[in-house]
Amino acid sequence: MKNATISNVITHRNPAIRIGLIITGSFFVGVGTLGIVLPLLPTTPFLVLAAICFSRSSERFHNWLFNNKWFGAYIKNYLEGKGISLKQKVVVLSLLILTIGYSCIFLFDHIAGRIILVLIVVGISSHILRIPTLRSPDASGSKK
C-alpha cells in the first residue's frame, strides 16, 4: 500500500489556517488512537476528520495517514466503502461488550445507567455489523 491516497490534497493558501488544520488533524489522530482502546470513543470518525484536515493542509501529513502502518489500510478501505475486516469487527465488538458489560455489572447500581449502556452497545454493534466485511487478505493492512 505504498503511496496510497484517497484524494488529491488541496492545501489552503493561508499558512496560519494550514498550521491550525495540521494541529487539529493531529489532535483527531490522537483521539482516534485513544478510541482503539476506549470503547465509547469512536475511532473512525476522528480518523476521517484527520484525513479531511490533512487533505486541506499538508500533503505530507495526508500521505502519512494513508500510508501509516496501523491506520492506512483501515481508513482507506473505510472511506472507499470497502469495509473493515472480520477480525477488526470481532475485536471491536468483543472489547465493547466486555468493557460495557463490566461497567453494567460492577460500576452502575442504577437501572437507568445500565439501560443506557445496553442501548449504547446495541447502537454501536448495529453500526459495526452494517459496515461491509472486507474479505481480502490485505484487509488488516499487514505487510507480508
N, C-alpha and C. Protein backbone atom coordinates (compact mmCIF):
# COMPACT_ATOMS: atom_id res chain seq x y z
N MET A 1 0.83 -1.19 0.00
CA MET A 1 0.00 0.00 0.00
C MET A 1 0.88 1.25 0.00
N LYS A 2 1.92 1.22 -0.74
CA LYS A 2 2.86 2.32 -0.78
C LYS A 2 2.27 3.51 -1.52
N ASN A 3 2.41 4.69 -0.93
CA ASN A 3 1.97 5.95 -1.51
C ASN A 3 0.49 5.97 -1.90
N ALA A 4 -0.33 5.36 -1.09
CA ALA A 4 -1.77 5.35 -1.36
C ALA A 4 -2.40 6.63 -0.84
N THR A 5 -3.27 7.22 -1.64
CA THR A 5 -4.04 8.37 -1.20
C THR A 5 -5.47 8.19 -1.67
N ILE A 6 -6.39 8.77 -0.94
CA ILE A 6 -7.81 8.64 -1.27
C ILE A 6 -8.26 9.78 -2.17
N SER A 7 -7.62 10.92 -2.06
CA SER A 7 -7.99 12.05 -2.89
C SER A 7 -6.80 12.99 -3.01
N ASN A 8 -6.90 13.93 -3.92
CA ASN A 8 -5.85 14.90 -4.08
C ASN A 8 -5.86 15.87 -2.91
N VAL A 9 -4.68 16.30 -2.55
CA VAL A 9 -4.54 17.26 -1.47
C VAL A 9 -4.58 18.66 -2.06
N ILE A 10 -5.51 19.47 -1.56
CA ILE A 10 -5.62 20.86 -1.98
C ILE A 10 -5.39 21.71 -0.74
N THR A 11 -4.18 22.23 -0.61
CA THR A 11 -3.83 22.97 0.61
C THR A 11 -4.41 24.38 0.58
N HIS A 12 -4.73 24.84 1.77
CA HIS A 12 -5.25 26.19 1.94
C HIS A 12 -4.11 27.18 1.70
N ARG A 13 -4.43 28.34 1.17
CA ARG A 13 -3.41 29.34 0.85
C ARG A 13 -2.84 30.01 2.10
N ASN A 14 -3.66 30.18 3.12
CA ASN A 14 -3.24 30.88 4.33
C ASN A 14 -2.42 29.94 5.22
N PRO A 15 -1.14 30.31 5.50
CA PRO A 15 -0.29 29.43 6.31
C PRO A 15 -0.81 29.24 7.74
N ALA A 16 -1.45 30.24 8.30
CA ALA A 16 -1.99 30.10 9.67
C ALA A 16 -3.12 29.06 9.70
N ILE A 17 -3.94 29.07 8.67
CA ILE A 17 -5.02 28.09 8.60
C ILE A 17 -4.44 26.70 8.38
N ARG A 18 -3.42 26.59 7.53
CA ARG A 18 -2.77 25.28 7.30
C ARG A 18 -2.20 24.73 8.61
N ILE A 19 -1.52 25.57 9.38
CA ILE A 19 -0.96 25.13 10.66
C ILE A 19 -2.07 24.72 11.62
N GLY A 20 -3.15 25.48 11.66
CA GLY A 20 -4.29 25.13 12.51
C GLY A 20 -4.91 23.80 12.11
N LEU A 21 -5.01 23.56 10.80
CA LEU A 21 -5.56 22.29 10.32
C LEU A 21 -4.64 21.11 10.64
N ILE A 22 -3.32 21.33 10.56
CA ILE A 22 -2.37 20.27 10.92
C ILE A 22 -2.48 19.94 12.40
N ILE A 23 -2.58 20.96 13.23
CA ILE A 23 -2.73 20.74 14.67
C ILE A 23 -4.04 20.03 14.96
N THR A 24 -5.12 20.48 14.33
CA THR A 24 -6.43 19.85 14.54
C THR A 24 -6.43 18.41 14.04
N GLY A 25 -5.86 18.17 12.86
CA GLY A 25 -5.77 16.81 12.33
C GLY A 25 -4.96 15.90 13.24
N SER A 26 -3.85 16.43 13.78
CA SER A 26 -3.03 15.64 14.70
C SER A 26 -3.81 15.32 15.98
N PHE A 27 -4.58 16.28 16.47
CA PHE A 27 -5.43 16.04 17.63
C PHE A 27 -6.43 14.92 17.34
N PHE A 28 -7.06 14.96 16.15
CA PHE A 28 -8.03 13.92 15.79
C PHE A 28 -7.37 12.55 15.66
N VAL A 29 -6.15 12.50 15.16
CA VAL A 29 -5.43 11.21 15.11
C VAL A 29 -5.21 10.70 16.53
N GLY A 30 -4.83 11.60 17.44
CA GLY A 30 -4.63 11.20 18.84
C GLY A 30 -5.91 10.68 19.48
N VAL A 31 -7.01 11.39 19.28
CA VAL A 31 -8.29 10.96 19.85
C VAL A 31 -8.74 9.65 19.20
N GLY A 32 -8.54 9.52 17.90
CA GLY A 32 -8.87 8.27 17.22
C GLY A 32 -8.06 7.10 17.74
N THR A 33 -6.79 7.36 18.06
CA THR A 33 -5.94 6.33 18.63
C THR A 33 -6.46 5.90 20.00
N LEU A 34 -6.89 6.86 20.80
CA LEU A 34 -7.49 6.52 22.09
C LEU A 34 -8.76 5.69 21.91
N GLY A 35 -9.48 5.96 20.84
CA GLY A 35 -10.70 5.22 20.56
C GLY A 35 -10.47 3.74 20.29
N ILE A 36 -9.24 3.37 19.96
CA ILE A 36 -8.93 1.96 19.75
C ILE A 36 -9.08 1.18 21.04
N VAL A 37 -8.70 1.80 22.16
CA VAL A 37 -8.74 1.09 23.45
C VAL A 37 -9.90 1.52 24.35
N LEU A 38 -10.54 2.63 24.04
CA LEU A 38 -11.68 3.09 24.82
C LEU A 38 -12.95 2.88 24.00
N PRO A 39 -13.77 1.91 24.38
CA PRO A 39 -14.88 1.51 23.52
C PRO A 39 -15.95 2.56 23.29
N LEU A 40 -16.12 3.52 24.16
CA LEU A 40 -17.15 4.54 23.94
C LEU A 40 -16.65 5.70 23.09
N LEU A 41 -15.36 5.69 22.78
CA LEU A 41 -14.77 6.74 21.95
C LEU A 41 -14.54 6.16 20.55
N PRO A 42 -15.25 6.66 19.55
CA PRO A 42 -15.14 6.06 18.22
C PRO A 42 -13.81 6.40 17.54
N THR A 43 -13.27 5.46 16.82
CA THR A 43 -12.01 5.67 16.11
C THR A 43 -12.24 6.27 14.73
N THR A 44 -13.13 5.66 13.98
CA THR A 44 -13.30 6.01 12.57
C THR A 44 -13.65 7.47 12.31
N PRO A 45 -14.64 8.06 13.01
CA PRO A 45 -14.95 9.46 12.70
C PRO A 45 -13.78 10.41 12.93
N PHE A 46 -12.97 10.13 13.94
CA PHE A 46 -11.83 11.01 14.21
C PHE A 46 -10.74 10.84 13.15
N LEU A 47 -10.55 9.63 12.67
CA LEU A 47 -9.57 9.43 11.60
C LEU A 47 -10.06 10.06 10.29
N VAL A 48 -11.35 10.01 10.04
CA VAL A 48 -11.91 10.67 8.86
C VAL A 48 -11.72 12.18 8.97
N LEU A 49 -11.99 12.73 10.15
CA LEU A 49 -11.78 14.17 10.36
C LEU A 49 -10.30 14.54 10.17
N ALA A 50 -9.41 13.70 10.67
CA ALA A 50 -7.97 13.95 10.49
C ALA A 50 -7.62 13.94 9.00
N ALA A 51 -8.17 12.99 8.26
CA ALA A 51 -7.91 12.92 6.82
C ALA A 51 -8.39 14.20 6.12
N ILE A 52 -9.55 14.69 6.52
CA ILE A 52 -10.07 15.93 5.94
C ILE A 52 -9.15 17.10 6.25
N CYS A 53 -8.75 17.21 7.52
CA CYS A 53 -7.85 18.31 7.91
C CYS A 53 -6.53 18.25 7.15
N PHE A 54 -5.96 17.05 7.06
CA PHE A 54 -4.68 16.90 6.37
C PHE A 54 -4.81 17.12 4.87
N SER A 55 -5.97 16.77 4.30
CA SER A 55 -6.14 16.97 2.85
C SER A 55 -6.23 18.45 2.49
N ARG A 56 -6.50 19.29 3.47
CA ARG A 56 -6.59 20.73 3.23
C ARG A 56 -5.37 21.50 3.74
N SER A 57 -4.41 20.75 4.34
CA SER A 57 -3.30 21.47 4.96
C SER A 57 -1.92 20.97 4.55
N SER A 58 -1.76 19.66 4.38
CA SER A 58 -0.42 19.15 4.16
C SER A 58 -0.44 17.82 3.42
N GLU A 59 0.18 17.80 2.27
CA GLU A 59 0.28 16.55 1.52
C GLU A 59 1.11 15.53 2.30
N ARG A 60 2.13 16.01 2.99
CA ARG A 60 2.99 15.12 3.78
C ARG A 60 2.21 14.41 4.87
N PHE A 61 1.41 15.15 5.67
CA PHE A 61 0.63 14.54 6.74
C PHE A 61 -0.48 13.65 6.18
N HIS A 62 -1.10 14.09 5.09
CA HIS A 62 -2.15 13.31 4.45
C HIS A 62 -1.60 11.95 3.99
N ASN A 63 -0.47 11.98 3.31
CA ASN A 63 0.16 10.74 2.85
C ASN A 63 0.61 9.89 4.03
N TRP A 64 1.09 10.53 5.10
CA TRP A 64 1.48 9.78 6.29
C TRP A 64 0.29 9.00 6.85
N LEU A 65 -0.87 9.65 6.94
CA LEU A 65 -2.05 8.99 7.49
C LEU A 65 -2.46 7.80 6.63
N PHE A 66 -2.49 7.98 5.31
CA PHE A 66 -2.95 6.92 4.42
C PHE A 66 -1.91 5.82 4.22
N ASN A 67 -0.66 6.08 4.53
CA ASN A 67 0.38 5.06 4.42
C ASN A 67 0.83 4.56 5.78
N ASN A 68 0.16 4.99 6.84
CA ASN A 68 0.51 4.60 8.20
C ASN A 68 0.31 3.10 8.39
N LYS A 69 1.22 2.50 9.11
CA LYS A 69 1.19 1.05 9.35
C LYS A 69 -0.11 0.60 10.02
N TRP A 70 -0.65 1.39 10.94
CA TRP A 70 -1.83 0.99 11.70
C TRP A 70 -3.13 1.56 11.12
N PHE A 71 -3.10 2.77 10.63
CA PHE A 71 -4.33 3.44 10.19
C PHE A 71 -4.55 3.40 8.68
N GLY A 72 -3.49 3.28 7.91
CA GLY A 72 -3.57 3.46 6.46
C GLY A 72 -4.62 2.62 5.77
N ALA A 73 -4.49 1.30 5.86
CA ALA A 73 -5.44 0.42 5.17
C ALA A 73 -6.84 0.58 5.75
N TYR A 74 -6.91 0.74 7.06
CA TYR A 74 -8.20 0.87 7.74
C TYR A 74 -8.98 2.07 7.23
N ILE A 75 -8.36 3.24 7.25
CA ILE A 75 -9.06 4.47 6.86
C ILE A 75 -9.32 4.49 5.36
N LYS A 76 -8.38 3.99 4.57
CA LYS A 76 -8.57 3.97 3.12
C LYS A 76 -9.73 3.05 2.74
N ASN A 77 -9.77 1.85 3.30
CA ASN A 77 -10.86 0.91 3.00
C ASN A 77 -12.20 1.44 3.47
N TYR A 78 -12.21 2.08 4.63
CA TYR A 78 -13.46 2.63 5.14
C TYR A 78 -13.98 3.76 4.24
N LEU A 79 -13.10 4.68 3.88
CA LEU A 79 -13.52 5.82 3.05
C LEU A 79 -13.92 5.39 1.65
N GLU A 80 -13.33 4.33 1.15
CA GLU A 80 -13.69 3.83 -0.18
C GLU A 80 -14.93 2.95 -0.13
N GLY A 81 -15.48 2.72 1.06
CA GLY A 81 -16.68 1.91 1.20
C GLY A 81 -16.45 0.42 1.11
N LYS A 82 -15.19 0.00 1.20
CA LYS A 82 -14.88 -1.43 1.13
C LYS A 82 -15.20 -2.15 2.44
N GLY A 83 -15.14 -1.43 3.55
CA GLY A 83 -15.48 -2.02 4.84
C GLY A 83 -14.28 -2.27 5.72
N ILE A 84 -14.50 -3.10 6.75
CA ILE A 84 -13.44 -3.49 7.68
C ILE A 84 -13.40 -5.01 7.76
N SER A 85 -12.27 -5.54 8.19
CA SER A 85 -12.10 -6.99 8.20
C SER A 85 -12.94 -7.63 9.30
N LEU A 86 -13.19 -8.92 9.14
CA LEU A 86 -13.94 -9.67 10.14
C LEU A 86 -13.20 -9.66 11.48
N LYS A 87 -11.88 -9.76 11.42
CA LYS A 87 -11.08 -9.73 12.64
C LYS A 87 -11.28 -8.41 13.39
N GLN A 88 -11.27 -7.30 12.66
CA GLN A 88 -11.48 -6.00 13.29
C GLN A 88 -12.87 -5.92 13.93
N LYS A 89 -13.87 -6.45 13.25
CA LYS A 89 -15.22 -6.44 13.80
C LYS A 89 -15.29 -7.26 15.10
N VAL A 90 -14.67 -8.42 15.09
CA VAL A 90 -14.69 -9.29 16.27
C VAL A 90 -13.99 -8.61 17.44
N VAL A 91 -12.84 -8.02 17.19
CA VAL A 91 -12.09 -7.34 18.26
C VAL A 91 -12.88 -6.17 18.82
N VAL A 92 -13.44 -5.35 17.94
CA VAL A 92 -14.20 -4.17 18.37
C VAL A 92 -15.42 -4.59 19.19
N LEU A 93 -16.18 -5.53 18.68
CA LEU A 93 -17.39 -5.95 19.40
C LEU A 93 -17.05 -6.66 20.70
N SER A 94 -15.98 -7.44 20.72
CA SER A 94 -15.58 -8.12 21.96
C SER A 94 -15.18 -7.12 23.04
N LEU A 95 -14.34 -6.16 22.66
CA LEU A 95 -13.93 -5.14 23.64
C LEU A 95 -15.13 -4.32 24.11
N LEU A 96 -16.00 -3.99 23.20
CA LEU A 96 -17.20 -3.22 23.55
C LEU A 96 -18.05 -3.97 24.56
N ILE A 97 -18.35 -5.22 24.27
CA ILE A 97 -19.21 -6.00 25.15
C ILE A 97 -18.53 -6.27 26.50
N LEU A 98 -17.24 -6.56 26.48
CA LEU A 98 -16.53 -6.83 27.74
C LEU A 98 -16.47 -5.60 28.64
N THR A 99 -16.09 -4.46 28.08
CA THR A 99 -15.94 -3.27 28.92
C THR A 99 -17.28 -2.72 29.39
N ILE A 100 -18.25 -2.68 28.52
CA ILE A 100 -19.56 -2.16 28.94
C ILE A 100 -20.26 -3.18 29.83
N GLY A 101 -20.07 -4.46 29.56
CA GLY A 101 -20.63 -5.49 30.43
C GLY A 101 -20.05 -5.39 31.83
N TYR A 102 -18.75 -5.17 31.93
CA TYR A 102 -18.10 -4.98 33.23
C TYR A 102 -18.69 -3.76 33.93
N SER A 103 -18.86 -2.68 33.19
CA SER A 103 -19.43 -1.46 33.78
C SER A 103 -20.85 -1.69 34.28
N CYS A 104 -21.64 -2.40 33.50
CA CYS A 104 -23.02 -2.68 33.92
C CYS A 104 -23.06 -3.53 35.18
N ILE A 105 -22.19 -4.51 35.28
CA ILE A 105 -22.22 -5.43 36.41
C ILE A 105 -21.60 -4.83 37.67
N PHE A 106 -20.46 -4.17 37.52
CA PHE A 106 -19.69 -3.75 38.70
C PHE A 106 -19.73 -2.26 39.01
N LEU A 107 -20.02 -1.42 38.05
CA LEU A 107 -19.89 0.02 38.28
C LEU A 107 -21.20 0.77 38.40
N PHE A 108 -22.27 0.28 37.79
CA PHE A 108 -23.53 1.00 37.81
C PHE A 108 -24.54 0.30 38.70
N ASP A 109 -25.02 1.03 39.70
CA ASP A 109 -26.05 0.49 40.58
C ASP A 109 -27.45 0.85 40.09
N HIS A 110 -27.55 1.93 39.33
CA HIS A 110 -28.85 2.41 38.86
C HIS A 110 -29.25 1.70 37.58
N ILE A 111 -30.48 1.29 37.53
CA ILE A 111 -31.00 0.59 36.36
C ILE A 111 -30.98 1.48 35.12
N ALA A 112 -31.21 2.78 35.30
CA ALA A 112 -31.20 3.71 34.16
C ALA A 112 -29.83 3.75 33.50
N GLY A 113 -28.77 3.77 34.30
CA GLY A 113 -27.41 3.77 33.75
C GLY A 113 -27.13 2.49 32.99
N ARG A 114 -27.58 1.38 33.52
CA ARG A 114 -27.38 0.10 32.84
C ARG A 114 -28.15 0.05 31.52
N ILE A 115 -29.35 0.57 31.53
CA ILE A 115 -30.16 0.58 30.30
C ILE A 115 -29.48 1.44 29.23
N ILE A 116 -28.97 2.60 29.64
CA ILE A 116 -28.28 3.48 28.69
C ILE A 116 -27.06 2.78 28.11
N LEU A 117 -26.29 2.09 28.95
CA LEU A 117 -25.11 1.39 28.45
C LEU A 117 -25.49 0.26 27.49
N VAL A 118 -26.55 -0.45 27.79
CA VAL A 118 -27.01 -1.52 26.89
C VAL A 118 -27.47 -0.92 25.56
N LEU A 119 -28.13 0.21 25.60
CA LEU A 119 -28.55 0.87 24.35
C LEU A 119 -27.34 1.32 23.54
N ILE A 120 -26.30 1.77 24.21
CA ILE A 120 -25.07 2.16 23.52
C ILE A 120 -24.45 0.95 22.83
N VAL A 121 -24.41 -0.19 23.54
CA VAL A 121 -23.87 -1.42 22.95
C VAL A 121 -24.67 -1.81 21.71
N VAL A 122 -25.99 -1.75 21.82
CA VAL A 122 -26.86 -2.12 20.70
C VAL A 122 -26.61 -1.18 19.51
N GLY A 123 -26.53 0.12 19.76
CA GLY A 123 -26.32 1.09 18.69
C GLY A 123 -24.98 0.93 18.01
N ILE A 124 -23.92 0.83 18.79
CA ILE A 124 -22.58 0.69 18.21
C ILE A 124 -22.46 -0.66 17.50
N SER A 125 -22.99 -1.71 18.11
CA SER A 125 -22.91 -3.03 17.49
C SER A 125 -23.65 -3.06 16.16
N SER A 126 -24.82 -2.46 16.11
CA SER A 126 -25.57 -2.46 14.85
C SER A 126 -24.83 -1.67 13.78
N HIS A 127 -24.17 -0.59 14.16
CA HIS A 127 -23.38 0.18 13.20
C HIS A 127 -22.21 -0.66 12.68
N ILE A 128 -21.48 -1.29 13.57
CA ILE A 128 -20.33 -2.10 13.18
C ILE A 128 -20.76 -3.24 12.26
N LEU A 129 -21.87 -3.88 12.61
CA LEU A 129 -22.34 -5.02 11.81
C LEU A 129 -22.86 -4.60 10.43
N ARG A 130 -23.28 -3.36 10.29
CA ARG A 130 -23.75 -2.87 8.98
C ARG A 130 -22.62 -2.49 8.04
N ILE A 131 -21.44 -2.25 8.58
CA ILE A 131 -20.28 -1.93 7.74
C ILE A 131 -19.92 -3.19 6.95
N PRO A 132 -19.68 -3.05 5.64
CA PRO A 132 -19.32 -4.23 4.85
C PRO A 132 -18.09 -4.93 5.43
N THR A 133 -18.07 -6.25 5.31
CA THR A 133 -16.93 -7.03 5.80
C THR A 133 -15.95 -7.21 4.65
N LEU A 134 -14.75 -6.73 4.87
CA LEU A 134 -13.68 -6.82 3.88
C LEU A 134 -13.04 -8.20 3.99
N ARG A 135 -13.06 -8.95 2.93
CA ARG A 135 -12.58 -10.32 2.97
C ARG A 135 -11.25 -10.54 2.26
N SER A 136 -10.62 -9.49 1.78
CA SER A 136 -9.35 -9.65 1.08
C SER A 136 -8.24 -9.95 2.08
N PRO A 137 -7.15 -10.60 1.66
CA PRO A 137 -6.08 -10.96 2.57
C PRO A 137 -5.34 -9.77 3.15
N ASP A 138 -5.36 -8.62 2.46
CA ASP A 138 -4.64 -7.45 2.98
C ASP A 138 -5.56 -6.50 3.72
N ALA A 139 -6.72 -6.98 4.19
CA ALA A 139 -7.71 -6.13 4.85
C ALA A 139 -7.18 -5.49 6.11
N SER A 140 -6.30 -6.15 6.81
CA SER A 140 -5.80 -5.59 8.07
C SER A 140 -4.70 -4.59 7.84
N GLY A 141 -4.21 -4.52 6.61
CA GLY A 141 -3.14 -3.58 6.31
C GLY A 141 -1.78 -4.15 6.65
N SER A 142 -1.71 -5.41 7.08
CA SER A 142 -0.44 -6.00 7.47
C SER A 142 0.38 -6.30 6.22
N LYS A 143 1.67 -6.16 6.36
CA LYS A 143 2.58 -6.42 5.25
C LYS A 143 3.01 -7.87 5.28
N LYS A 144 3.15 -8.44 4.11
CA LYS A 144 3.54 -9.85 4.02
C LYS A 144 5.00 -9.98 3.71
